[in-house]
Amino acid sequence: MVKPSTTIGRELSITLKRSLIGTPLRHRVVMRGLGLRRLHQTVRRPDTPQVRGLIAMVGYLLEVSAG
């Protein structure tokens, strides 16, 4: 049985605030996975544990807000 998600409809706005120059390759790969390529680019992603984990890994480069 599939457990209903409590995060349905919730989204996070994620903005790239710092340059990827000099960051580890793994962090750059995470940014591509989030869909961020350019400075000050903003994407909206669902508020899931997977996305939260990616944000935790590279949070020092991002600005995150709800909605």
C-alpha atoms as a PDB file:
ATOM      1  CA  MET A   1       0.000   0.000   0.000  1.00  0.00           C
ATOM      2  CA  VAL A   2       1.305   3.439  -0.928  1.00  0.00           C
ATOM      3  CA  LYS A   3       1.445   5.934   1.894  1.00  0.00           C
ATOM      4  CA  PRO A   4      -0.069   9.292   0.897  1.00  0.00           C
ATOM      5  CA  SER A   5       2.415  12.115   0.803  1.00  0.00           C
ATOM      6  CA  THR A   6       1.917  15.083   3.107  1.00  0.00           C
ATOM      7  CA  THR A   7       3.951  17.347   0.800  1.00  0.00           C
ATOM      8  CA  ILE A   8       1.549  17.307  -2.142  1.00  0.00           C
ATOM      9  CA  GLY A   9       1.304  20.790  -3.586  1.00  0.00           C
ATOM     10  CA  ARG A  10       4.274  22.185  -1.651  1.00  0.00           C
ATOM     11  CA  GLU A  11       7.136  23.635  -3.623  1.00  0.00           C
ATOM     12  CA  LEU A  12      10.483  25.234  -2.894  1.00  0.00           C
ATOM     13  CA  SER A  13      11.980  28.125  -4.823  1.00  0.00           C
ATOM     14  CA  ILE A  14      15.705  27.529  -5.170  1.00  0.00           C
ATOM     15  CA  THR A  15      18.058  30.278  -6.406  1.00  0.00           C
ATOM     16  CA  LEU A  16      21.745  29.900  -7.207  1.00  0.00           C
ATOM     17  CA  LYS A  17      23.478  32.741  -5.339  1.00  0.00           C
ATOM     18  CA  ARG A  18      27.174  31.840  -5.524  1.00  0.00           C
ATOM     19  CA  SER A  19      29.423  30.781  -8.378  1.00  0.00           C
ATOM     20  CA  LEU A  20      30.269  27.140  -8.968  1.00  0.00           C
ATOM     21  CA  ILE A  21      33.873  28.016  -9.825  1.00  0.00           C
ATOM     22  CA  GLY A  22      36.191  26.166  -7.457  1.00  0.00           C
ATOM     23  CA  THR A  23      33.502  23.888  -6.034  1.00  0.00           C
ATOM     24  CA  PRO A  24      33.942  20.112  -6.006  1.00  0.00           C
ATOM     25  CA  LEU A  25      32.728  18.267  -9.102  1.00  0.00           C
ATOM     26  CA  ARG A  26      30.154  16.410  -7.027  1.00  0.00           C
ATOM     27  CA  HIS A  27      28.552  19.704  -5.969  1.00  0.00           C
ATOM     28  CA  ARG A  28      28.383  20.868  -9.591  1.00  0.00           C
ATOM     29  CA  VAL A  29      26.657  17.611 -10.525  1.00  0.00           C
ATOM     30  CA  VAL A  30      24.110  18.152  -7.737  1.00  0.00           C
ATOM     31  CA  MET A  31      23.391  21.651  -9.081  1.00  0.00           C
ATOM     32  CA  ARG A  32      22.728  20.254 -12.539  1.00  0.00           C
ATOM     33  CA  GLY A  33      20.426  17.697 -10.952  1.00  0.00           C
ATOM     34  CA  LEU A  34      18.466  20.524  -9.354  1.00  0.00           C
ATOM     35  CA  GLY A  35      18.316  22.247 -12.752  1.00  0.00           C
ATOM     36  CA  LEU A  36      20.517  25.222 -11.871  1.00  0.00           C
ATOM     37  CA  ARG A  37      23.095  26.411 -14.389  1.00  0.00           C
ATOM     38  CA  ARG A  38      23.482  30.195 -14.084  1.00  0.00           C
ATOM     39  CA  LEU A  39      23.861  32.661 -11.232  1.00  0.00           C
ATOM     40  CA  HIS A  40      20.579  34.089  -9.947  1.00  0.00           C
ATOM     41  CA  GLN A  41      18.604  31.429 -11.812  1.00  0.00           C
ATOM     42  CA  THR A  42      15.537  30.278  -9.858  1.00  0.00           C
ATOM     43  CA  VAL A  43      13.800  26.919 -10.165  1.00  0.00           C
ATOM     44  CA  ARG A  44      10.800  25.459  -8.369  1.00  0.00           C
ATOM     45  CA  ARG A  45      11.081  21.912  -7.059  1.00  0.00           C
ATOM     46  CA  PRO A  46       8.718  19.780  -4.967  1.00  0.00           C
ATOM     47  CA  ASP A  47       9.383  19.743  -1.238  1.00  0.00           C
ATOM     48  CA  THR A  48      10.504  16.122  -0.869  1.00  0.00           C
ATOM     49  CA  PRO A  49      13.178  14.473   1.285  1.00  0.00           C
ATOM     50  CA  GLN A  50      15.251  13.825  -1.861  1.00  0.00           C
ATOM     51  CA  VAL A  51      15.295  17.478  -2.880  1.00  0.00           C
ATOM     52  CA  ARG A  52      15.967  18.536   0.728  1.00  0.00           C
ATOM     53  CA  GLY A  53      18.999  16.216   0.743  1.00  0.00           C
ATOM     54  CA  LEU A  54      20.397  17.820  -2.410  1.00  0.00           C
ATOM     55  CA  ILE A  55      19.846  21.272  -0.918  1.00  0.00           C
ATOM     56  CA  ALA A  56      21.635  20.247   2.286  1.00  0.00           C
ATOM     57  CA  MET A  57      24.661  19.163   0.284  1.00  0.00           C
ATOM     58  CA  VAL A  58      25.114  22.488  -1.542  1.00  0.00           C
ATOM     59  CA  GLY A  59      23.161  24.871   0.691  1.00  0.00           C
ATOM     60  CA  TYR A  60      26.083  27.267   0.967  1.00  0.00           C
ATOM     61  CA  LEU A  61      25.545  28.154  -2.722  1.00  0.00           C
ATOM     62  CA  LEU A  62      21.774  28.532  -2.597  1.00  0.00           C
ATOM     63  CA  GLU A  63      18.937  30.634  -1.321  1.00  0.00           C
ATOM     64  CA  VAL A  64      15.805  28.577  -0.607  1.00  0.00           C
ATOM     65  CA  SER A  65      12.316  29.842   0.080  1.00  0.00           C
ATOM     66  CA  ALA A  66       8.936  28.143   0.375  1.00  0.00           C
ATOM     67  CA  GLY A  67       6.495  28.531  -2.458  1.00  0.00           C
END
